[in-house]
Amino acid sequence: GAARSMAGREMRTLRSVRRGRGFDDAMDVTDIVAQRMEMSRLMRSIKIEARAAGKDFDFDEKKGAELVRRSALKSGFQQREIGGALDVLSEKGFAGEIGAHPEMIERIGVEARALGSDPRTIAKLRSVLLTAGRGQGTKFDEKDLQKMVAQVSFVGKAGVFRAESIAEESESLFSRAAASGVDFRTELGKYVGFAQMVREGTGSGAMARTAINSLQNAIVK
């Protein structure tokens, strides 16, 4: 009885600590250590890639890891999910953006939760929008990005072309839109709405992307 009661208290304490640090209840000590090592690797990678991109600041790895933990606590996602989103941004060449604006780390999980999405989808949309902006010689600020990501998410909820699917096809869709002169600050909602209508007449997101690109090619010609 006493031993079982003590074991129960210890288990509840461990769960509390795990939740307090953004870890899953099902994770054991080995999982937690592995996740911490992966997070350390990711923070170091962001720091190196930011420097390679020519940024003259010194990214604080410990602060970055703490922001991941805080984002997990605020949003309810796991730290590995927040880390996965940062990996997406880093792989697309935006480690410098993370380093220059570390508050993005904390915000991305909260944004995903508020929009009923997931961190990787939000990161994918942000990276593609930033890339499209670069292609047009435009630098979107945080307010622009939040507004545009919200537009995509809201349109995605209104039909069969969900935000997750749009994110998967967005690299091609948005690069073509940028090349054809779409003003992302004012016309993105209309463009995604158009993509939604095309998707409803096709069998998949990939088919919708092909159809939209074909239409854009015909218009440009």
C-alpha atoms as a PDB file:
ATOM      1  CA  GLY A   1       0.000   0.000   0.000  1.00  0.00           C
ATOM      2  CA  ALA A   2       2.565   2.613   1.099  1.00  0.00           C
ATOM      3  CA  ALA A   3       5.042   1.583  -1.611  1.00  0.00           C
ATOM      4  CA  ARG A   4       2.333   1.654  -4.261  1.00  0.00           C
ATOM      5  CA  SER A   5       1.160   5.072  -3.071  1.00  0.00           C
ATOM      6  CA  MET A   6       4.718   6.431  -3.191  1.00  0.00           C
ATOM      7  CA  ALA A   7       5.225   4.992  -6.684  1.00  0.00           C
ATOM      8  CA  GLY A   8       1.990   6.641  -7.801  1.00  0.00           C
ATOM      9  CA  ARG A   9       3.132  10.009  -6.437  1.00  0.00           C
ATOM     10  CA  GLU A  10       6.480   9.666  -8.171  1.00  0.00           C
ATOM     11  CA  MET A  11       4.767   8.824 -11.473  1.00  0.00           C
ATOM     12  CA  ARG A  12       2.447  11.828 -11.168  1.00  0.00           C
ATOM     13  CA  THR A  13       5.440  14.047 -10.400  1.00  0.00           C
ATOM     14  CA  LEU A  14       7.287  12.720 -13.447  1.00  0.00           C
ATOM     15  CA  ARG A  15       4.252  13.380 -15.662  1.00  0.00           C
ATOM     16  CA  SER A  16       4.028  16.900 -14.264  1.00  0.00           C
ATOM     17  CA  VAL A  17       7.710  17.550 -14.996  1.00  0.00           C
ATOM     18  CA  ARG A  18       7.336  16.150 -18.510  1.00  0.00           C
ATOM     19  CA  ARG A  19       4.335  18.329 -19.249  1.00  0.00           C
ATOM     20  CA  GLY A  20       6.085  21.319 -17.720  1.00  0.00           C
ATOM     21  CA  ARG A  21       8.914  20.843 -20.189  1.00  0.00           C
ATOM     22  CA  GLY A  22       6.757  20.106 -23.219  1.00  0.00           C
ATOM     23  CA  PHE A  23       7.431  16.350 -23.288  1.00  0.00           C
ATOM     24  CA  ASP A  24       4.932  13.582 -24.050  1.00  0.00           C
ATOM     25  CA  ASP A  25       3.694  11.484 -21.092  1.00  0.00           C
ATOM     26  CA  ALA A  26       4.602   8.346 -23.056  1.00  0.00           C
ATOM     27  CA  MET A  27       8.264   9.318 -23.361  1.00  0.00           C
ATOM     28  CA  ASP A  28      10.797   7.557 -21.161  1.00  0.00           C
ATOM     29  CA  VAL A  29      14.119   8.974 -19.960  1.00  0.00           C
ATOM     30  CA  THR A  30      15.951   7.689 -23.048  1.00  0.00           C
ATOM     31  CA  ASP A  31      13.450   9.473 -25.333  1.00  0.00           C
ATOM     32  CA  ILE A  32      13.818  12.721 -23.398  1.00  0.00           C
ATOM     33  CA  VAL A  33      17.624  12.591 -23.559  1.00  0.00           C
ATOM     34  CA  ALA A  34      17.481  11.838 -27.293  1.00  0.00           C
ATOM     35  CA  GLN A  35      15.093  14.749 -27.845  1.00  0.00           C
ATOM     36  CA  ARG A  36      17.347  17.115 -25.921  1.00  0.00           C
ATOM     37  CA  MET A  37      20.320  16.007 -28.032  1.00  0.00           C
ATOM     38  CA  GLU A  38      18.312  16.547 -31.210  1.00  0.00           C
ATOM     39  CA  MET A  39      17.259  20.001 -30.011  1.00  0.00           C
ATOM     40  CA  SER A  40      20.889  20.876 -29.267  1.00  0.00           C
ATOM     41  CA  ARG A  41      21.847  19.728 -32.783  1.00  0.00           C
ATOM     42  CA  LEU A  42      19.079  21.839 -34.308  1.00  0.00           C
ATOM     43  CA  MET A  43      20.047  24.978 -32.373  1.00  0.00           C
ATOM     44  CA  ARG A  44      23.698  24.531 -33.381  1.00  0.00           C
ATOM     45  CA  SER A  45      22.647  24.010 -37.011  1.00  0.00           C
ATOM     46  CA  ILE A  46      20.593  27.221 -36.981  1.00  0.00           C
ATOM     47  CA  LYS A  47      23.557  29.116 -35.545  1.00  0.00           C
ATOM     48  CA  ILE A  48      25.981  27.771 -38.188  1.00  0.00           C
ATOM     49  CA  GLU A  49      23.591  28.296 -41.105  1.00  0.00           C
ATOM     50  CA  ALA A  50      22.759  31.818 -39.957  1.00  0.00           C
ATOM     51  CA  ARG A  51      26.454  32.686 -39.914  1.00  0.00           C
ATOM     52  CA  ALA A  52      26.940  31.076 -43.330  1.00  0.00           C
ATOM     53  CA  ALA A  53      24.121  33.273 -44.652  1.00  0.00           C
ATOM     54  CA  GLY A  54      26.183  36.307 -43.685  1.00  0.00           C
ATOM     55  CA  LYS A  55      24.331  37.309 -40.544  1.00  0.00           C
ATOM     56  CA  ASP A  56      26.545  39.206 -38.114  1.00  0.00           C
ATOM     57  CA  PHE A  57      24.742  38.268 -34.897  1.00  0.00           C
ATOM     58  CA  ASP A  58      25.480  35.490 -32.445  1.00  0.00           C
ATOM     59  CA  PHE A  59      22.455  33.216 -32.060  1.00  0.00           C
ATOM     60  CA  ASP A  60      21.984  32.112 -28.455  1.00  0.00           C
ATOM     61  CA  GLU A  61      21.460  28.331 -28.610  1.00  0.00           C
ATOM     62  CA  LYS A  62      20.287  28.042 -25.008  1.00  0.00           C
ATOM     63  CA  LYS A  63      17.762  30.827 -25.491  1.00  0.00           C
ATOM     64  CA  GLY A  64      16.553  29.139 -28.678  1.00  0.00           C
ATOM     65  CA  ALA A  65      16.006  25.831 -26.869  1.00  0.00           C
ATOM     66  CA  GLU A  66      14.153  27.647 -24.073  1.00  0.00           C
ATOM     67  CA  LEU A  67      11.879  29.320 -26.647  1.00  0.00           C
ATOM     68  CA  VAL A  68      11.093  25.898 -28.119  1.00  0.00           C
ATOM     69  CA  ARG A  69      10.133  24.668 -24.645  1.00  0.00           C
ATOM     70  CA  ARG A  70       8.011  27.765 -24.051  1.00  0.00           C
ATOM     71  CA  SER A  71       6.307  27.392 -27.431  1.00  0.00           C
ATOM     72  CA  ALA A  72       5.466  23.760 -26.599  1.00  0.00           C
ATOM     73  CA  LEU A  73       3.998  24.768 -23.245  1.00  0.00           C
ATOM     74  CA  LYS A  74       1.886  27.577 -24.685  1.00  0.00           C
ATOM     75  CA  SER A  75       0.614  25.667 -27.721  1.00  0.00           C
ATOM     76  CA  GLY A  76       0.267  22.120 -26.415  1.00  0.00           C
ATOM     77  CA  PHE A  77       2.469  20.697 -29.181  1.00  0.00           C
ATOM     78  CA  GLN A  78       5.506  18.574 -28.348  1.00  0.00           C
ATOM     79  CA  GLN A  79       8.993  20.047 -28.492  1.00  0.00           C
ATOM     80  CA  ARG A  80       9.862  17.715 -31.374  1.00  0.00           C
ATOM     81  CA  GLU A  81       6.956  19.193 -33.370  1.00  0.00           C
ATOM     82  CA  ILE A  82       8.224  22.734 -32.825  1.00  0.00           C
ATOM     83  CA  GLY A  83      11.725  21.543 -33.678  1.00  0.00           C
ATOM     84  CA  GLY A  84      10.406  19.947 -36.872  1.00  0.00           C
ATOM     85  CA  ALA A  85       8.953  23.291 -37.920  1.00  0.00           C
ATOM     86  CA  LEU A  86      12.293  25.011 -37.334  1.00  0.00           C
ATOM     87  CA  ASP A  87      13.976  22.284 -39.387  1.00  0.00           C
ATOM     88  CA  VAL A  88      11.671  23.126 -42.299  1.00  0.00           C
ATOM     89  CA  LEU A  89      12.594  26.814 -42.123  1.00  0.00           C
ATOM     90  CA  SER A  90      16.290  26.040 -41.759  1.00  0.00           C
ATOM     91  CA  GLU A  91      16.282  23.611 -44.706  1.00  0.00           C
ATOM     92  CA  LYS A  92      14.674  26.287 -46.880  1.00  0.00           C
ATOM     93  CA  GLY A  93      17.438  28.760 -46.067  1.00  0.00           C
ATOM     94  CA  PHE A  94      15.733  30.792 -43.353  1.00  0.00           C
ATOM     95  CA  ALA A  95      18.010  29.989 -40.430  1.00  0.00           C
ATOM     96  CA  GLY A  96      19.001  33.646 -40.559  1.00  0.00           C
ATOM     97  CA  GLU A  97      15.372  34.693 -40.091  1.00  0.00           C
ATOM     98  CA  ILE A  98      15.112  32.457 -37.030  1.00  0.00           C
ATOM     99  CA  GLY A  99      18.356  33.822 -35.635  1.00  0.00           C
ATOM    100  CA  ALA A 100      17.435  37.446 -36.285  1.00  0.00           C
ATOM    101  CA  HIS A 101      13.922  36.990 -34.900  1.00  0.00           C
ATOM    102  CA  PRO A 102      14.111  34.221 -32.260  1.00  0.00           C
ATOM    103  CA  GLU A 103      10.651  35.205 -31.037  1.00  0.00           C
ATOM    104  CA  MET A 104       9.440  33.383 -34.180  1.00  0.00           C
ATOM    105  CA  ILE A 105      10.318  30.126 -32.393  1.00  0.00           C
ATOM    106  CA  GLU A 106       7.866  30.792 -29.601  1.00  0.00           C
ATOM    107  CA  ARG A 107       5.202  32.168 -31.927  1.00  0.00           C
ATOM    108  CA  ILE A 108       5.048  29.336 -34.468  1.00  0.00           C
ATOM    109  CA  GLY A 109       3.410  26.799 -32.159  1.00  0.00           C
ATOM    110  CA  VAL A 110       0.887  29.314 -30.849  1.00  0.00           C
ATOM    111  CA  GLU A 111       0.048  30.348 -34.415  1.00  0.00           C
ATOM    112  CA  ALA A 112      -0.448  26.722 -35.482  1.00  0.00           C
ATOM    113  CA  ARG A 113      -2.756  26.033 -32.525  1.00  0.00           C
ATOM    114  CA  ALA A 114      -4.797  29.198 -33.110  1.00  0.00           C
ATOM    115  CA  LEU A 115      -5.310  28.296 -36.781  1.00  0.00           C
ATOM    116  CA  GLY A 116      -6.143  24.652 -36.102  1.00  0.00           C
ATOM    117  CA  SER A 117      -3.063  23.516 -37.983  1.00  0.00           C
ATOM    118  CA  ASP A 118       0.328  22.038 -37.076  1.00  0.00           C
ATOM    119  CA  PRO A 119       3.790  23.638 -36.729  1.00  0.00           C
ATOM    120  CA  ARG A 120       5.308  22.023 -39.861  1.00  0.00           C
ATOM    121  CA  THR A 121       2.449  23.249 -42.065  1.00  0.00           C
ATOM    122  CA  ILE A 122       2.803  26.786 -40.713  1.00  0.00           C
ATOM    123  CA  ALA A 123       6.583  26.668 -41.212  1.00  0.00           C
ATOM    124  CA  LYS A 124       6.168  25.379 -44.776  1.00  0.00           C
ATOM    125  CA  LEU A 125       3.727  28.165 -45.637  1.00  0.00           C
ATOM    126  CA  ARG A 126       5.974  30.795 -44.062  1.00  0.00           C
ATOM    127  CA  SER A 127       9.069  29.563 -45.917  1.00  0.00           C
ATOM    128  CA  VAL A 128       7.320  29.445 -49.297  1.00  0.00           C
ATOM    129  CA  LEU A 129       5.794  32.895 -48.814  1.00  0.00           C
ATOM    130  CA  LEU A 130       9.184  34.321 -47.842  1.00  0.00           C
ATOM    131  CA  THR A 131      10.712  32.685 -50.933  1.00  0.00           C
ATOM    132  CA  ALA A 132       7.972  34.051 -53.185  1.00  0.00           C
ATOM    133  CA  GLY A 133       8.496  37.493 -51.707  1.00  0.00           C
ATOM    134  CA  ARG A 134      12.208  37.292 -52.418  1.00  0.00           C
ATOM    135  CA  GLY A 135      11.411  36.392 -56.007  1.00  0.00           C
ATOM    136  CA  GLN A 136       9.459  39.628 -56.297  1.00  0.00           C
ATOM    137  CA  GLY A 137      12.065  41.662 -54.440  1.00  0.00           C
ATOM    138  CA  THR A 138       9.711  42.035 -51.474  1.00  0.00           C
ATOM    139  CA  LYS A 139      10.531  41.363 -47.833  1.00  0.00           C
ATOM    140  CA  PHE A 140       7.471  40.450 -45.786  1.00  0.00           C
ATOM    141  CA  ASP A 141       7.476  41.443 -42.129  1.00  0.00           C
ATOM    142  CA  GLU A 142       5.987  39.374 -39.301  1.00  0.00           C
ATOM    143  CA  LYS A 143       2.605  41.097 -39.555  1.00  0.00           C
ATOM    144  CA  ASP A 144       2.438  40.319 -43.288  1.00  0.00           C
ATOM    145  CA  LEU A 145       3.328  36.672 -42.706  1.00  0.00           C
ATOM    146  CA  GLN A 146       0.769  36.168 -39.946  1.00  0.00           C
ATOM    147  CA  LYS A 147      -1.963  37.692 -42.109  1.00  0.00           C
ATOM    148  CA  MET A 148      -1.074  35.631 -45.196  1.00  0.00           C
ATOM    149  CA  VAL A 149      -0.731  32.331 -43.328  1.00  0.00           C
ATOM    150  CA  ALA A 150      -4.115  32.995 -41.684  1.00  0.00           C
ATOM    151  CA  GLN A 151      -5.688  33.639 -45.094  1.00  0.00           C
ATOM    152  CA  VAL A 152      -4.440  30.317 -46.443  1.00  0.00           C
ATOM    153  CA  SER A 153      -5.631  28.488 -43.321  1.00  0.00           C
ATOM    154  CA  PHE A 154      -9.102  30.047 -43.382  1.00  0.00           C
ATOM    155  CA  VAL A 155      -9.627  29.320 -47.086  1.00  0.00           C
ATOM    156  CA  GLY A 156      -8.360  25.791 -46.467  1.00  0.00           C
ATOM    157  CA  LYS A 157     -11.037  25.228 -43.835  1.00  0.00           C
ATOM    158  CA  ALA A 158     -13.757  26.306 -46.271  1.00  0.00           C
ATOM    159  CA  GLY A 159     -13.222  23.517 -48.807  1.00  0.00           C
ATOM    160  CA  VAL A 160     -11.472  20.304 -49.802  1.00  0.00           C
ATOM    161  CA  PHE A 161      -8.079  21.941 -50.425  1.00  0.00           C
ATOM    162  CA  ARG A 162      -6.904  21.921 -46.812  1.00  0.00           C
ATOM    163  CA  ALA A 163      -4.039  24.085 -45.555  1.00  0.00           C
ATOM    164  CA  GLU A 164      -1.832  20.996 -45.165  1.00  0.00           C
ATOM    165  CA  SER A 165      -2.356  20.083 -48.844  1.00  0.00           C
ATOM    166  CA  ILE A 166      -1.887  23.672 -49.972  1.00  0.00           C
ATOM    167  CA  ALA A 167       1.384  23.758 -48.034  1.00  0.00           C
ATOM    168  CA  GLU A 168       2.574  20.602 -49.816  1.00  0.00           C
ATOM    169  CA  GLU A 169       1.856  22.121 -53.232  1.00  0.00           C
ATOM    170  CA  SER A 170       2.653  25.727 -52.283  1.00  0.00           C
ATOM    171  CA  GLU A 171       6.250  25.800 -53.527  1.00  0.00           C
ATOM    172  CA  SER A 172       5.126  25.387 -57.118  1.00  0.00           C
ATOM    173  CA  LEU A 173       1.841  27.271 -56.719  1.00  0.00           C
ATOM    174  CA  PHE A 174       3.282  30.338 -55.025  1.00  0.00           C
ATOM    175  CA  SER A 175       6.418  30.570 -57.173  1.00  0.00           C
ATOM    176  CA  ARG A 176       4.204  30.612 -60.276  1.00  0.00           C
ATOM    177  CA  ALA A 177       1.932  33.176 -58.646  1.00  0.00           C
ATOM    178  CA  ALA A 178       4.925  35.372 -57.847  1.00  0.00           C
ATOM    179  CA  ALA A 179       6.213  35.078 -61.425  1.00  0.00           C
ATOM    180  CA  SER A 180       2.805  36.077 -62.802  1.00  0.00           C
ATOM    181  CA  GLY A 181       2.742  39.191 -60.614  1.00  0.00           C
ATOM    182  CA  VAL A 182       0.331  38.255 -57.819  1.00  0.00           C
ATOM    183  CA  ASP A 183       0.563  40.808 -55.009  1.00  0.00           C
ATOM    184  CA  PHE A 184       0.700  38.514 -51.999  1.00  0.00           C
ATOM    185  CA  ARG A 185      -0.157  41.256 -49.519  1.00  0.00           C
ATOM    186  CA  THR A 186      -3.477  42.089 -51.213  1.00  0.00           C
ATOM    187  CA  GLU A 187      -4.329  39.211 -53.558  1.00  0.00           C
ATOM    188  CA  LEU A 188      -3.273  36.009 -51.793  1.00  0.00           C
ATOM    189  CA  GLY A 189      -6.756  35.317 -50.426  1.00  0.00           C
ATOM    190  CA  LYS A 190      -8.268  35.535 -53.915  1.00  0.00           C
ATOM    191  CA  TYR A 191      -5.522  33.370 -55.377  1.00  0.00           C
ATOM    192  CA  VAL A 192      -5.950  30.643 -52.779  1.00  0.00           C
ATOM    193  CA  GLY A 193      -9.724  30.867 -53.209  1.00  0.00           C
ATOM    194  CA  PHE A 194      -9.207  30.276 -56.934  1.00  0.00           C
ATOM    195  CA  ALA A 195      -6.973  27.302 -56.112  1.00  0.00           C
ATOM    196  CA  GLN A 196      -9.731  25.976 -53.851  1.00  0.00           C
ATOM    197  CA  MET A 197     -12.259  26.082 -56.700  1.00  0.00           C
ATOM    198  CA  VAL A 198      -9.860  24.292 -59.049  1.00  0.00           C
ATOM    199  CA  ARG A 199      -9.157  21.659 -56.397  1.00  0.00           C
ATOM    200  CA  GLU A 200     -12.872  20.905 -56.061  1.00  0.00           C
ATOM    201  CA  GLY A 201     -12.899  19.916 -59.735  1.00  0.00           C
ATOM    202  CA  THR A 202      -9.831  17.694 -59.540  1.00  0.00           C
ATOM    203  CA  GLY A 203      -8.883  14.509 -57.722  1.00  0.00           C
ATOM    204  CA  SER A 204      -5.950  15.706 -55.632  1.00  0.00           C
ATOM    205  CA  GLY A 205      -3.826  18.656 -54.572  1.00  0.00           C
ATOM    206  CA  ALA A 206      -1.160  17.666 -57.103  1.00  0.00           C
ATOM    207  CA  MET A 207      -3.743  17.613 -59.915  1.00  0.00           C
ATOM    208  CA  ALA A 208      -5.031  21.008 -58.810  1.00  0.00           C
ATOM    209  CA  ARG A 209      -1.492  22.405 -58.837  1.00  0.00           C
ATOM    210  CA  THR A 210      -0.905  21.064 -62.373  1.00  0.00           C
ATOM    211  CA  ALA A 211      -4.211  22.526 -63.593  1.00  0.00           C
ATOM    212  CA  ILE A 212      -3.506  25.937 -62.037  1.00  0.00           C
ATOM    213  CA  ASN A 213       0.009  26.054 -63.492  1.00  0.00           C
ATOM    214  CA  SER A 214      -1.371  25.134 -66.927  1.00  0.00           C
ATOM    215  CA  LEU A 215      -3.939  27.916 -66.685  1.00  0.00           C
ATOM    216  CA  GLN A 216      -1.293  30.403 -65.637  1.00  0.00           C
ATOM    217  CA  ASN A 217       0.965  29.325 -68.524  1.00  0.00           C
ATOM    218  CA  ALA A 218      -1.907  29.837 -70.962  1.00  0.00           C
ATOM    219  CA  ILE A 219      -2.663  33.288 -69.527  1.00  0.00           C
ATOM    220  CA  VAL A 220       0.989  34.359 -69.671  1.00  0.00           C
ATOM    221  CA  LYS A 221       1.238  33.229 -73.306  1.00  0.00           C
END
